[in-house]
PDB file of N, CA and C in Angstrom:
ATOM      1  N   MET A   1     -16.882  -0.215  64.327  1.00  0.00           N
ATOM      2  CA  MET A   1     -16.788  -0.827  65.633  1.00  0.00           C
ATOM      3  C   MET A   1     -16.804   0.279  66.688  1.00  0.00           C
ATOM      4  N   LEU A   2     -17.484   0.011  67.774  1.00  0.00           N
ATOM      5  CA  LEU A   2     -17.530   0.956  68.883  1.00  0.00           C
ATOM      6  C   LEU A   2     -16.342   0.727  69.811  1.00  0.00           C
ATOM      7  N   LEU A   3     -15.799   1.810  70.338  1.00  0.00           N
ATOM      8  CA  LEU A   3     -14.663   1.764  71.250  1.00  0.00           C
ATOM      9  C   LEU A   3     -15.035   2.510  72.523  1.00  0.00           C
ATOM     10  N   THR A   4     -14.595   1.995  73.662  1.00  0.00           N
ATOM     11  CA  THR A   4     -14.854   2.668  74.934  1.00  0.00           C
ATOM     12  C   THR A   4     -13.535   3.120  75.546  1.00  0.00           C
ATOM     13  N   VAL A   5     -13.572   4.273  76.190  1.00  0.00           N
ATOM     14  CA  VAL A   5     -12.419   4.794  76.922  1.00  0.00           C
ATOM     15  C   VAL A   5     -12.824   4.822  78.391  1.00  0.00           C
ATOM     16  N   THR A   6     -12.011   4.184  79.229  1.00  0.00           N
ATOM     17  CA  THR A   6     -12.291   4.157  80.664  1.00  0.00           C
ATOM     18  C   THR A   6     -11.181   4.866  81.427  1.00  0.00           C
ATOM     19  N   LEU A   7     -11.503   5.292  82.652  1.00  0.00           N
ATOM     20  CA  LEU A   7     -10.492   5.922  83.492  1.00  0.00           C
ATOM     21  C   LEU A   7      -9.538   4.840  83.988  1.00  0.00           C
ATOM     22  N   PRO A   8      -8.260   4.941  83.608  1.00  0.00           N
ATOM     23  CA  PRO A   8      -7.312   3.894  83.996  1.00  0.00           C
ATOM     24  C   PRO A   8      -6.925   3.978  85.470  1.00  0.00           C
ATOM     25  N   MET A   9      -6.574   2.846  86.026  1.00  0.00           N
ATOM     26  CA  MET A   9      -6.099   2.758  87.405  1.00  0.00           C
ATOM     27  C   MET A   9      -4.589   3.001  87.346  1.00  0.00           C
ATOM     28  N   VAL A  10      -4.145   4.185  87.756  1.00  0.00           N
ATOM     29  CA  VAL A  10      -2.718   4.532  87.677  1.00  0.00           C
ATOM     30  C   VAL A  10      -1.963   4.226  88.964  1.00  0.00           C
ATOM     31  N   ASN A  11      -2.710   3.844  90.011  1.00  0.00           N
ATOM     32  CA  ASN A  11      -2.104   3.512  91.290  1.00  0.00           C
ATOM     33  C   ASN A  11      -3.023   2.510  91.984  1.00  0.00           C
ATOM     34  N   PRO A  12      -2.479   1.499  92.655  1.00  0.00           N
ATOM     35  CA  PRO A  12      -3.351   0.505  93.299  1.00  0.00           C
ATOM     36  C   PRO A  12      -4.260   1.084  94.389  1.00  0.00           C
ATOM     37  N   PHE A  13      -3.925   2.253  94.937  1.00  0.00           N
ATOM     38  CA  PHE A  13      -4.749   2.878  95.968  1.00  0.00           C
ATOM     39  C   PHE A  13      -5.764   3.870  95.399  1.00  0.00           C
ATOM     40  N   MET A  14      -5.756   4.051  94.102  1.00  0.00           N
ATOM     41  CA  MET A  14      -6.635   5.028  93.454  1.00  0.00           C
ATOM     42  C   MET A  14      -8.083   4.539  93.452  1.00  0.00           C
ATOM     43  N   ALA A  15      -8.985   5.389  93.927  1.00  0.00           N
ATOM     44  CA  ALA A  15     -10.421   5.092  93.881  1.00  0.00           C
ATOM     45  C   ALA A  15     -11.098   5.869  92.759  1.00  0.00           C
ATOM     46  N   SER A  16     -10.591   7.082  92.475  1.00  0.00           N
ATOM     47  CA  SER A  16     -11.220   7.936  91.473  1.00  0.00           C
ATOM     48  C   SER A  16     -10.214   8.951  90.952  1.00  0.00           C
ATOM     49  N   GLY A  17     -10.623   9.673  89.932  1.00  0.00           N
ATOM     50  CA  GLY A  17      -9.828  10.754  89.372  1.00  0.00           C
ATOM     51  C   GLY A  17     -10.717  11.957  89.122  1.00  0.00           C
ATOM     52  N   LEU A  18     -10.172  13.130  89.307  1.00  0.00           N
ATOM     53  CA  LEU A  18     -10.909  14.374  89.084  1.00  0.00           C
ATOM     54  C   LEU A  18     -10.545  14.905  87.698  1.00  0.00           C
ATOM     55  N   VAL A  19     -11.527  14.999  86.816  1.00  0.00           N
ATOM     56  CA  VAL A  19     -11.293  15.494  85.461  1.00  0.00           C
ATOM     57  C   VAL A  19     -10.909  16.963  85.550  1.00  0.00           C
ATOM     58  N   GLN A  20      -9.749  17.303  84.998  1.00  0.00           N
ATOM     59  CA  GLN A  20      -9.250  18.681  85.017  1.00  0.00           C
ATOM     60  C   GLN A  20      -9.553  19.430  83.723  1.00  0.00           C
ATOM     61  N   ALA A  21      -9.428  18.735  82.583  1.00  0.00           N
ATOM     62  CA  ALA A  21      -9.647  19.374  81.286  1.00  0.00           C
ATOM     63  C   ALA A  21     -10.072  18.327  80.272  1.00  0.00           C
ATOM     64  N   CYS A  22     -10.961  18.717  79.371  1.00  0.00           N
ATOM     65  CA  CYS A  22     -11.374  17.882  78.235  1.00  0.00           C
ATOM     66  C   CYS A  22     -10.992  18.644  76.974  1.00  0.00           C
ATOM     67  N   TYR A  23     -10.372  17.957  76.033  1.00  0.00           N
ATOM     68  CA  TYR A  23      -9.825  18.641  74.863  1.00  0.00           C
ATOM     69  C   TYR A  23     -10.613  18.421  73.579  1.00  0.00           C
ATOM     70  N   LEU A  24     -11.585  17.526  73.562  1.00  0.00           N
ATOM     71  CA  LEU A  24     -12.327  17.227  72.347  1.00  0.00           C
ATOM     72  C   LEU A  24     -13.821  17.380  72.556  1.00  0.00           C
ATOM     73  N   ALA A  25     -14.519  17.625  71.475  1.00  0.00           N
ATOM     74  CA  ALA A  25     -15.975  17.673  71.489  1.00  0.00           C
ATOM     75  C   ALA A  25     -16.496  16.519  70.642  1.00  0.00           C
ATOM     76  N   PRO A  26     -17.699  16.050  70.906  1.00  0.00           N
ATOM     77  CA  PRO A  26     -18.260  14.980  70.091  1.00  0.00           C
ATOM     78  C   PRO A  26     -18.226  15.336  68.614  1.00  0.00           C
ATOM     79  N   GLY A  27     -17.901  14.345  67.794  1.00  0.00           N
ATOM     80  CA  GLY A  27     -17.780  14.535  66.352  1.00  0.00           C
ATOM     81  C   GLY A  27     -16.349  14.737  65.891  1.00  0.00           C
ATOM     82  N   ALA A  28     -15.441  15.003  66.825  1.00  0.00           N
ATOM     83  CA  ALA A  28     -14.043  15.238  66.466  1.00  0.00           C
ATOM     84  C   ALA A  28     -13.381  13.952  65.994  1.00  0.00           C
ATOM     85  N   GLN A  29     -12.571  14.081  64.958  1.00  0.00           N
ATOM     86  CA  GLN A  29     -11.784  12.939  64.507  1.00  0.00           C
ATOM     87  C   GLN A  29     -10.541  12.831  65.383  1.00  0.00           C
ATOM     88  N   VAL A  30     -10.219  11.618  65.761  1.00  0.00           N
ATOM     89  CA  VAL A  30      -9.091  11.346  66.637  1.00  0.00           C
ATOM     90  C   VAL A  30      -8.023  10.614  65.840  1.00  0.00           C
ATOM     91  N   VAL A  31      -6.782  11.043  65.987  1.00  0.00           N
ATOM     92  CA  VAL A  31      -5.641  10.358  65.375  1.00  0.00           C
ATOM     93  C   VAL A  31      -4.687   9.950  66.495  1.00  0.00           C
ATOM     94  N   PRO A  32      -3.781   9.023  66.235  1.00  0.00           N
ATOM     95  CA  PRO A  32      -2.849   8.624  67.291  1.00  0.00           C
ATOM     96  C   PRO A  32      -2.128   9.840  67.887  1.00  0.00           C
ATOM     97  N   GLY A  33      -2.123   9.909  69.205  1.00  0.00           N
ATOM     98  CA  GLY A  33      -1.474  11.010  69.916  1.00  0.00           C
ATOM     99  C   GLY A  33      -2.413  12.120  70.337  1.00  0.00           C
ATOM    100  N   THR A  34      -3.672  12.058  69.925  1.00  0.00           N
ATOM    101  CA  THR A  34      -4.630  13.092  70.300  1.00  0.00           C
ATOM    102  C   THR A  34      -4.917  13.019  71.791  1.00  0.00           C
ATOM    103  N   ARG A  35      -4.796  14.165  72.471  1.00  0.00           N
ATOM    104  CA  ARG A  35      -5.118  14.183  73.896  1.00  0.00           C
ATOM    105  C   ARG A  35      -6.631  14.254  74.055  1.00  0.00           C
ATOM    106  N   LEU A  36      -7.128  13.460  75.011  1.00  0.00           N
ATOM    107  CA  LEU A  36      -8.559  13.436  75.287  1.00  0.00           C
ATOM    108  C   LEU A  36      -8.870  14.262  76.527  1.00  0.00           C
ATOM    109  N   LEU A  37      -8.170  13.962  77.640  1.00  0.00           N
ATOM    110  CA  LEU A  37      -8.441  14.709  78.861  1.00  0.00           C
ATOM    111  C   LEU A  37      -7.280  14.600  79.843  1.00  0.00           C
ATOM    112  N   ASP A  38      -7.280  15.499  80.812  1.00  0.00           N
ATOM    113  CA  ASP A  38      -6.336  15.483  81.931  1.00  0.00           C
ATOM    114  C   ASP A  38      -7.122  15.181  83.192  1.00  0.00           C
ATOM    115  N   PHE A  39      -6.497  14.427  84.109  1.00  0.00           N
ATOM    116  CA  PHE A  39      -7.160  14.142  85.378  1.00  0.00           C
ATOM    117  C   PHE A  39      -6.164  14.150  86.526  1.00  0.00           C
ATOM    118  N   LYS A  40      -6.692  14.385  87.720  1.00  0.00           N
ATOM    119  CA  LYS A  40      -5.892  14.454  88.941  1.00  0.00           C
ATOM    120  C   LYS A  40      -6.266  13.279  89.832  1.00  0.00           C
ATOM    121  N   VAL A  41      -5.237  12.655  90.423  1.00  0.00           N
ATOM    122  CA  VAL A  41      -5.455  11.573  91.382  1.00  0.00           C
ATOM    123  C   VAL A  41      -4.955  12.059  92.736  1.00  0.00           C
ATOM    124  N   ASP A  42      -5.833  12.017  93.736  1.00  0.00           N
ATOM    125  CA  ASP A  42      -5.493  12.431  95.091  1.00  0.00           C
ATOM    126  C   ASP A  42      -5.613  11.209  95.995  1.00  0.00           C
ATOM    127  N   LEU A  43      -4.481  10.766  96.529  1.00  0.00           N
ATOM    128  CA  LEU A  43      -4.460   9.581  97.384  1.00  0.00           C
ATOM    129  C   LEU A  43      -4.459   9.934  98.870  1.00  0.00           C
ATOM    130  N   SER A  44      -4.786  11.175  99.224  1.00  0.00           N
ATOM    131  CA  SER A  44      -4.754  11.633 100.617  1.00  0.00           C
ATOM    132  C   SER A  44      -5.595  10.761 101.537  1.00  0.00           C
ATOM    133  N   ALA A  45      -6.743  10.292 101.068  1.00  0.00           N
ATOM    134  CA  ALA A  45      -7.622   9.491 101.915  1.00  0.00           C
ATOM    135  C   ALA A  45      -7.076   8.081 102.138  1.00  0.00           C
ATOM    136  N   ALA A  46      -6.228   7.592 101.233  1.00  0.00           N
ATOM    137  CA  ALA A  46      -5.730   6.220 101.319  1.00  0.00           C
ATOM    138  C   ALA A  46      -4.357   6.123 101.961  1.00  0.00           C
ATOM    139  N   LEU A  47      -3.549   7.170 101.837  1.00  0.00           N
ATOM    140  CA  LEU A  47      -2.174   7.126 102.317  1.00  0.00           C
ATOM    141  C   LEU A  47      -1.860   8.343 103.161  1.00  0.00           C
ATOM    142  N   SER A  48      -1.235   8.119 104.302  1.00  0.00           N
ATOM    143  CA  SER A  48      -0.785   9.270 105.061  1.00  0.00           C
ATOM    144  C   SER A  48       0.629   9.594 104.594  1.00  0.00           C
ATOM    145  N   HIS A  49       0.881  10.864 104.428  1.00  0.00           N
ATOM    146  CA  HIS A  49       2.118  11.303 103.793  1.00  0.00           C
ATOM    147  C   HIS A  49       2.479  12.668 104.346  1.00  0.00           C
ATOM    148  N   ASP A  50       3.750  13.068 104.231  1.00  0.00           N
ATOM    149  CA  ASP A  50       4.145  14.384 104.722  1.00  0.00           C
ATOM    150  C   ASP A  50       3.808  15.501 103.731  1.00  0.00           C
ATOM    151  N   CYS A  51       3.444  15.140 102.525  1.00  0.00           N
ATOM    152  CA  CYS A  51       2.971  16.109 101.545  1.00  0.00           C
ATOM    153  C   CYS A  51       1.784  15.470 100.821  1.00  0.00           C
ATOM    154  N   PRO A  52       0.931  16.262 100.213  1.00  0.00           N
ATOM    155  CA  PRO A  52      -0.245  15.670  99.561  1.00  0.00           C
ATOM    156  C   PRO A  52       0.173  14.708  98.442  1.00  0.00           C
ATOM    157  N   PRO A  53      -0.272  13.459  98.494  1.00  0.00           N
ATOM    158  CA  PRO A  53       0.055  12.499  97.436  1.00  0.00           C
ATOM    159  C   PRO A  53      -0.873  12.687  96.229  1.00  0.00           C
ATOM    160  N   ILE A  54      -0.597  13.739  95.478  1.00  0.00           N
ATOM    161  CA  ILE A  54      -1.427  14.108  94.336  1.00  0.00           C
ATOM    162  C   ILE A  54      -0.590  13.989  93.072  1.00  0.00           C
ATOM    163  N   SER A  55      -1.192  13.419  92.024  1.00  0.00           N
ATOM    164  CA  SER A  55      -0.502  13.332  90.734  1.00  0.00           C
ATOM    165  C   SER A  55      -1.472  13.729  89.627  1.00  0.00           C
ATOM    166  N   PHE A  56      -0.913  14.190  88.525  1.00  0.00           N
ATOM    167  CA  PHE A  56      -1.696  14.648  87.383  1.00  0.00           C
ATOM    168  C   PHE A  56      -1.334  13.805  86.172  1.00  0.00           C
ATOM    169  N   HIS A  57      -2.347  13.497  85.354  1.00  0.00           N
ATOM    170  CA  HIS A  57      -2.143  12.594  84.219  1.00  0.00           C
ATOM    171  C   HIS A  57      -2.899  13.093  82.996  1.00  0.00           C
ATOM    172  N   ARG A  58      -2.372  12.731  81.834  1.00  0.00           N
ATOM    173  CA  ARG A  58      -3.042  13.019  80.563  1.00  0.00           C
ATOM    174  C   ARG A  58      -3.368  11.701  79.890  1.00  0.00           C
ATOM    175  N   LEU A  59      -4.574  11.595  79.362  1.00  0.00           N
ATOM    176  CA  LEU A  59      -5.023  10.425  78.639  1.00  0.00           C
ATOM    177  C   LEU A  59      -5.053  10.785  77.156  1.00  0.00           C
ATOM    178  N   ALA A  60      -4.274  10.054  76.361  1.00  0.00           N
ATOM    179  CA  ALA A  60      -4.208  10.293  74.918  1.00  0.00           C
ATOM    180  C   ALA A  60      -4.613   9.020  74.186  1.00  0.00           C
ATOM    181  N   LEU A  61      -5.185   9.192  73.018  1.00  0.00           N
ATOM    182  CA  LEU A  61      -5.642   8.052  72.227  1.00  0.00           C
ATOM    183  C   LEU A  61      -4.551   7.596  71.260  1.00  0.00           C
ATOM    184  N   ARG A  62      -4.533   6.306  70.962  1.00  0.00           N
ATOM    185  CA  ARG A  62      -3.482   5.727  70.126  1.00  0.00           C
ATOM    186  C   ARG A  62      -4.007   5.109  68.842  1.00  0.00           C
ATOM    187  N   GLU A  63      -5.197   5.508  68.407  1.00  0.00           N
ATOM    188  CA  GLU A  63      -5.738   4.965  67.171  1.00  0.00           C
ATOM    189  C   GLU A  63      -6.682   5.963  66.522  1.00  0.00           C
ATOM    190  N   ARG A  64      -6.982   5.712  65.259  1.00  0.00           N
ATOM    191  CA  ARG A  64      -7.901   6.580  64.520  1.00  0.00           C
ATOM    192  C   ARG A  64      -9.340   6.209  64.849  1.00  0.00           C
ATOM    193  N   ALA A  65     -10.141   7.235  65.120  1.00  0.00           N
ATOM    194  CA  ALA A  65     -11.554   7.023  65.438  1.00  0.00           C
ATOM    195  C   ALA A  65     -12.244   8.383  65.448  1.00  0.00           C
ATOM    196  N   TRP A  66     -13.514   8.368  65.776  1.00  0.00           N
ATOM    197  CA  TRP A  66     -14.290   9.596  65.951  1.00  0.00           C
ATOM    198  C   TRP A  66     -14.878   9.573  67.350  1.00  0.00           C
ATOM    199  N   LEU A  67     -14.765  10.695  68.043  1.00  0.00           N
ATOM    200  CA  LEU A  67     -15.377  10.822  69.363  1.00  0.00           C
ATOM    201  C   LEU A  67     -16.870  11.003  69.147  1.00  0.00           C
ATOM    202  N   ARG A  68     -17.646  10.082  69.660  1.00  0.00           N
ATOM    203  CA  ARG A  68     -19.088  10.129  69.465  1.00  0.00           C
ATOM    204  C   ARG A  68     -19.803  10.698  70.684  1.00  0.00           C
ATOM    205  N   ARG A  69     -19.311  10.346  71.879  1.00  0.00           N
ATOM    206  CA  ARG A  69     -19.967  10.830  73.093  1.00  0.00           C
ATOM    207  C   ARG A  69     -18.921  10.981  74.186  1.00  0.00           C
ATOM    208  N   LEU A  70     -18.865  12.151  74.800  1.00  0.00           N
ATOM    209  CA  LEU A  70     -18.003  12.402  75.954  1.00  0.00           C
ATOM    210  C   LEU A  70     -18.909  12.377  77.179  1.00  0.00           C
ATOM    211  N   LEU A  71     -18.620  11.483  78.124  1.00  0.00           N
ATOM    212  CA  LEU A  71     -19.515  11.247  79.252  1.00  0.00           C
ATOM    213  C   LEU A  71     -19.087  11.952  80.535  1.00  0.00           C
ATOM    214  N   VAL A  72     -18.019  12.756  80.481  1.00  0.00           N
ATOM    215  CA  VAL A  72     -17.524  13.470  81.654  1.00  0.00           C
ATOM    216  C   VAL A  72     -17.287  14.932  81.306  1.00  0.00           C
ATOM    217  N   ALA A  73     -17.098  15.740  82.358  1.00  0.00           N
ATOM    218  CA  ALA A  73     -16.837  17.170  82.179  1.00  0.00           C
ATOM    219  C   ALA A  73     -15.804  17.602  83.209  1.00  0.00           C
ATOM    220  N   PRO A  74     -15.085  18.704  82.944  1.00  0.00           N
ATOM    221  CA  PRO A  74     -14.132  19.207  83.936  1.00  0.00           C
ATOM    222  C   PRO A  74     -14.810  19.437  85.283  1.00  0.00           C
ATOM    223  N   GLY A  75     -14.096  19.046  86.347  1.00  0.00           N
ATOM    224  CA  GLY A  75     -14.623  19.185  87.690  1.00  0.00           C
ATOM    225  C   GLY A  75     -15.348  17.945  88.196  1.00  0.00           C
ATOM    226  N   GLN A  76     -15.551  16.988  87.330  1.00  0.00           N
ATOM    227  CA  GLN A  76     -16.268  15.765  87.705  1.00  0.00           C
ATOM    228  C   GLN A  76     -15.310  14.735  88.291  1.00  0.00           C
ATOM    229  N   ASP A  77     -15.676  14.152  89.428  1.00  0.00           N
ATOM    230  CA  ASP A  77     -14.908  13.076  90.045  1.00  0.00           C
ATOM    231  C   ASP A  77     -15.445  11.762  89.487  1.00  0.00           C
ATOM    232  N   VAL A  78     -14.546  10.956  88.916  1.00  0.00           N
ATOM    233  CA  VAL A  78     -14.943   9.748  88.199  1.00  0.00           C
ATOM    234  C   VAL A  78     -14.277   8.533  88.837  1.00  0.00           C
ATOM    235  N   ALA A  79     -15.027   7.474  89.039  1.00  0.00           N
ATOM    236  CA  ALA A  79     -14.482   6.246  89.614  1.00  0.00           C
ATOM    237  C   ALA A  79     -13.505   5.587  88.641  1.00  0.00           C
ATOM    238  N   ALA A  80     -12.455   4.988  89.184  1.00  0.00           N
ATOM    239  CA  ALA A  80     -11.503   4.243  88.360  1.00  0.00           C
ATOM    240  C   ALA A  80     -12.258   3.139  87.622  1.00  0.00           C
ATOM    241  N   GLY A  81     -12.006   3.026  86.332  1.00  0.00           N
ATOM    242  CA  GLY A  81     -12.667   2.018  85.509  1.00  0.00           C
ATOM    243  C   GLY A  81     -13.964   2.477  84.877  1.00  0.00           C
ATOM    244  N   ALA A  82     -14.448   3.669  85.245  1.00  0.00           N
ATOM    245  CA  ALA A  82     -15.699   4.186  84.666  1.00  0.00           C
ATOM    246  C   ALA A  82     -15.478   4.581  83.211  1.00  0.00           C
ATOM    247  N   VAL A  83     -16.521   4.467  82.408  1.00  0.00           N
ATOM    248  CA  VAL A  83     -16.446   4.845  81.003  1.00  0.00           C
ATOM    249  C   VAL A  83     -16.447   6.364  80.892  1.00  0.00           C
ATOM    250  N   LEU A  84     -15.451   6.887  80.159  1.00  0.00           N
ATOM    251  CA  LEU A  84     -15.294   8.329  79.966  1.00  0.00           C
ATOM    252  C   LEU A  84     -15.857   8.795  78.634  1.00  0.00           C
ATOM    253  N   ALA A  85     -15.707   7.942  77.600  1.00  0.00           N
ATOM    254  CA  ALA A  85     -16.087   8.352  76.258  1.00  0.00           C
ATOM    255  C   ALA A  85     -16.397   7.140  75.394  1.00  0.00           C
ATOM    256  N   LEU A  86     -17.214   7.386  74.365  1.00  0.00           N
ATOM    257  CA  LEU A  86     -17.498   6.382  73.351  1.00  0.00           C
ATOM    258  C   LEU A  86     -16.954   6.894  72.032  1.00  0.00           C
ATOM    259  N   LEU A  87     -16.260   6.033  71.315  1.00  0.00           N
ATOM    260  CA  LEU A  87     -15.719   6.362  70.011  1.00  0.00           C
ATOM    261  C   LEU A  87     -16.220   5.332  69.006  1.00  0.00           C
ATOM    262  N   SER A  88     -16.058   5.636  67.723  1.00  0.00           N
ATOM    263  CA  SER A  88     -16.387   4.659  66.696  1.00  0.00           C
ATOM    264  C   SER A  88     -15.358   4.754  65.586  1.00  0.00           C
ATOM    265  N   THR A  89     -15.178   3.654  64.882  1.00  0.00           N
ATOM    266  CA  THR A  89     -14.229   3.636  63.766  1.00  0.00           C
ATOM    267  C   THR A  89     -14.847   4.221  62.507  1.00  0.00           C
ATOM    268  N   ASP A  90     -16.167   4.396  62.499  1.00  0.00           N
ATOM    269  CA  ASP A  90     -16.897   5.001  61.383  1.00  0.00           C
ATOM    270  C   ASP A  90     -17.700   6.170  61.956  1.00  0.00           C
ATOM    271  N   PRO A  91     -17.602   7.360  61.353  1.00  0.00           N
ATOM    272  CA  PRO A  91     -18.271   8.521  61.944  1.00  0.00           C
ATOM    273  C   PRO A  91     -19.795   8.433  61.972  1.00  0.00           C
ATOM    274  N   GLU A  92     -20.385   7.564  61.159  1.00  0.00           N
ATOM    275  CA  GLU A  92     -21.848   7.439  61.100  1.00  0.00           C
ATOM    276  C   GLU A  92     -22.363   6.180  61.775  1.00  0.00           C
ATOM    277  N   GLU A  93     -21.502   5.428  62.425  1.00  0.00           N
ATOM    278  CA  GLU A  93     -21.900   4.161  63.044  1.00  0.00           C
ATOM    279  C   GLU A  93     -22.912   4.378  64.171  1.00  0.00           C
ATOM    280  N   SER A  94     -23.876   3.478  64.268  1.00  0.00           N
ATOM    281  CA  SER A  94     -24.874   3.556  65.325  1.00  0.00           C
ATOM    282  C   SER A  94     -24.223   3.278  66.675  1.00  0.00           C
ATOM    283  N   LEU A  95     -24.616   4.034  67.685  1.00  0.00           N
ATOM    284  CA  LEU A  95     -24.094   3.824  69.034  1.00  0.00           C
ATOM    285  C   LEU A  95     -24.842   2.711  69.763  1.00  0.00           C
ATOM    286  N   GLU A  96     -25.804   2.115  69.098  1.00  0.00           N
ATOM    287  CA  GLU A  96     -26.591   1.042  69.697  1.00  0.00           C
ATOM    288  C   GLU A  96     -25.971  -0.326  69.455  1.00  0.00           C
ATOM    289  N   GLY A  97     -24.867  -0.406  68.729  1.00  0.00           N
ATOM    290  CA  GLY A  97     -24.234  -1.687  68.445  1.00  0.00           C
ATOM    291  C   GLY A  97     -23.724  -2.376  69.693  1.00  0.00           C
ATOM    292  N   THR A  98     -23.603  -3.689  69.608  1.00  0.00           N
ATOM    293  CA  THR A  98     -23.130  -4.450  70.756  1.00  0.00           C
ATOM    294  C   THR A  98     -21.656  -4.819  70.627  1.00  0.00           C
ATOM    295  N   GLU A  99     -21.121  -4.750  69.425  1.00  0.00           N
ATOM    296  CA  GLU A  99     -19.714  -5.098  69.232  1.00  0.00           C
ATOM    297  C   GLU A  99     -18.852  -3.898  69.608  1.00  0.00           C
ATOM    298  N   HIS A 100     -18.036  -4.072  70.638  1.00  0.00           N
ATOM    299  CA  HIS A 100     -17.159  -2.991  71.061  1.00  0.00           C
ATOM    300  C   HIS A 100     -15.927  -3.574  71.738  1.00  0.00           C
ATOM    301  N   ARG A 101     -14.935  -2.720  71.889  1.00  0.00           N
ATOM    302  CA  ARG A 101     -13.700  -3.093  72.574  1.00  0.00           C
ATOM    303  C   ARG A 101     -13.125  -1.839  73.208  1.00  0.00           C
ATOM    304  N   PRO A 102     -12.184  -2.013  74.146  1.00  0.00           N
ATOM    305  CA  PRO A 102     -11.525  -0.830  74.720  1.00  0.00           C
ATOM    306  C   PRO A 102     -10.672  -0.116  73.668  1.00  0.00           C
ATOM    307  N   ALA A 103     -10.698   1.187  73.696  1.00  0.00           N
ATOM    308  CA  ALA A 103      -9.835   1.975  72.803  1.00  0.00           C
ATOM    309  C   ALA A 103      -8.393   1.873  73.301  1.00  0.00           C
ATOM    310  N   ARG A 104      -7.452   1.935  72.376  1.00  0.00           N
ATOM    311  CA  ARG A 104      -6.034   1.948  72.756  1.00  0.00           C
ATOM    312  C   ARG A 104      -5.674   3.360  73.212  1.00  0.00           C
ATOM    313  N   CYS A 105      -5.158   3.442  74.433  1.00  0.00           N
ATOM    314  CA  CYS A 105      -4.845   4.742  75.038  1.00  0.00           C
ATOM    315  C   CYS A 105      -3.460   4.719  75.657  1.00  0.00           C
ATOM    316  N   SER A 106      -2.909   5.902  75.853  1.00  0.00           N
ATOM    317  CA  SER A 106      -1.663   6.088  76.591  1.00  0.00           C
ATOM    318  C   SER A 106      -1.942   7.021  77.751  1.00  0.00           C
ATOM    319  N   ILE A 107      -1.215   6.811  78.844  1.00  0.00           N
ATOM    320  CA  ILE A 107      -1.341   7.673  80.016  1.00  0.00           C
ATOM    321  C   ILE A 107       0.029   8.250  80.303  1.00  0.00           C
ATOM    322  N   ALA A 108       0.090   9.553  80.503  1.00  0.00           N
ATOM    323  CA  ALA A 108       1.364  10.201  80.822  1.00  0.00           C
ATOM    324  C   ALA A 108       1.195  11.022  82.094  1.00  0.00           C
ATOM    325  N   GLY A 109       2.188  10.968  82.969  1.00  0.00           N
ATOM    326  CA  GLY A 109       2.213  11.863  84.118  1.00  0.00           C
ATOM    327  C   GLY A 109       2.577  13.251  83.625  1.00  0.00           C
ATOM    328  N   ILE A 110       1.883  14.257  84.102  1.00  0.00           N
ATOM    329  CA  ILE A 110       2.148  15.633  83.655  1.00  0.00           C
ATOM    330  C   ILE A 110       2.323  16.536  84.870  1.00  0.00           C
ATOM    331  N   LEU A 111       2.899  17.691  84.642  1.00  0.00           N
ATOM    332  CA  LEU A 111       3.006  18.739  85.650  1.00  0.00           C
ATOM    333  C   LEU A 111       2.031  19.840  85.262  1.00  0.00           C
ATOM    334  N   PRO A 112       1.094  20.167  86.139  1.00  0.00           N
ATOM    335  CA  PRO A 112       0.137  21.223  85.790  1.00  0.00           C
ATOM    336  C   PRO A 112       0.860  22.562  85.662  1.00  0.00           C
ATOM    337  N   GLN A 113       0.310  23.423  84.836  1.00  0.00           N
ATOM    338  CA  GLN A 113       0.892  24.747  84.633  1.00  0.00           C
ATOM    339  C   GLN A 113      -0.064  25.821  85.159  1.00  0.00           C
ATOM    340  N   PRO A 114      -0.178  25.937  86.480  1.00  0.00           N
ATOM    341  CA  PRO A 114      -1.092  26.955  87.028  1.00  0.00           C
ATOM    342  C   PRO A 114      -0.570  28.361  86.726  1.00  0.00           C
ATOM    343  N   ASP A 115      -1.471  29.290  86.691  1.00  0.00           N
ATOM    344  CA  ASP A 115      -1.107  30.675  86.435  1.00  0.00           C
ATOM    345  C   ASP A 115      -0.702  31.318  87.761  1.00  0.00           C
ATOM    346  N   TRP A 116       0.468  30.908  88.260  1.00  0.00           N
ATOM    347  CA  TRP A 116       0.950  31.400  89.553  1.00  0.00           C
ATOM    348  C   TRP A 116       1.267  32.888  89.538  1.00  0.00           C
ATOM    349  N   TRP A 117       1.789  33.356  88.428  1.00  0.00           N
ATOM    350  CA  TRP A 117       2.190  34.758  88.341  1.00  0.00           C
ATOM    351  C   TRP A 117       1.396  35.404  87.223  1.00  0.00           C
ATOM    352  N   ALA A 118       0.218  35.851  87.550  1.00  0.00           N
ATOM    353  CA  ALA A 118      -0.622  36.514  86.537  1.00  0.00           C
ATOM    354  C   ALA A 118       0.141  37.722  86.002  1.00  0.00           C
ATOM    355  N   GLY A 119       0.115  37.896  84.728  1.00  0.00           N
ATOM    356  CA  GLY A 119       0.810  39.017  84.119  1.00  0.00           C
ATOM    357  C   GLY A 119       2.163  38.620  83.537  1.00  0.00           C
ATOM    358  N   GLY A 120       2.524  37.355  83.628  1.00  0.00           N
ATOM    359  CA  GLY A 120       3.764  36.886  82.999  1.00  0.00           C
ATOM    360  C   GLY A 120       4.958  36.912  83.933  1.00  0.00           C
ATOM    361  N   ALA A 121       6.049  36.386  83.416  1.00  0.00           N
ATOM    362  CA  ALA A 121       7.293  36.313  84.203  1.00  0.00           C
ATOM    363  C   ALA A 121       7.944  37.684  84.287  1.00  0.00           C
ATOM    364  N   GLY A 122       8.646  37.897  85.368  1.00  0.00           N
ATOM    365  CA  GLY A 122       9.245  39.216  85.580  1.00  0.00           C
ATOM    366  C   GLY A 122      10.680  39.294  85.306  1.00  0.00           C
TER     367      GLY A 122
END
């Protein structure tokens, strides 16, 4: 069976998410808890705020499958609800099939770990 992964709507004002990192390559086997990608949501255009209304999220998969096609790359701005990846329950399954369903995923808010102090902590 084919499975689709879409960019989840994490806030009612969210129009899109900026892909920050992709952790898998096509052909990779996925098990529950495997991280697929990180994305950033910036609500600055929708909400006025005293600080930037930006949040970071990780999308992880909750079932066994194989990543067949990754349709996004880091740095890409993706509309909410857009398809990010295609998976299959069989590694050799044709991607031309019509039977598909959404993949089971989890979304977690994360704190980015920028390299603020190059050279390590002092």
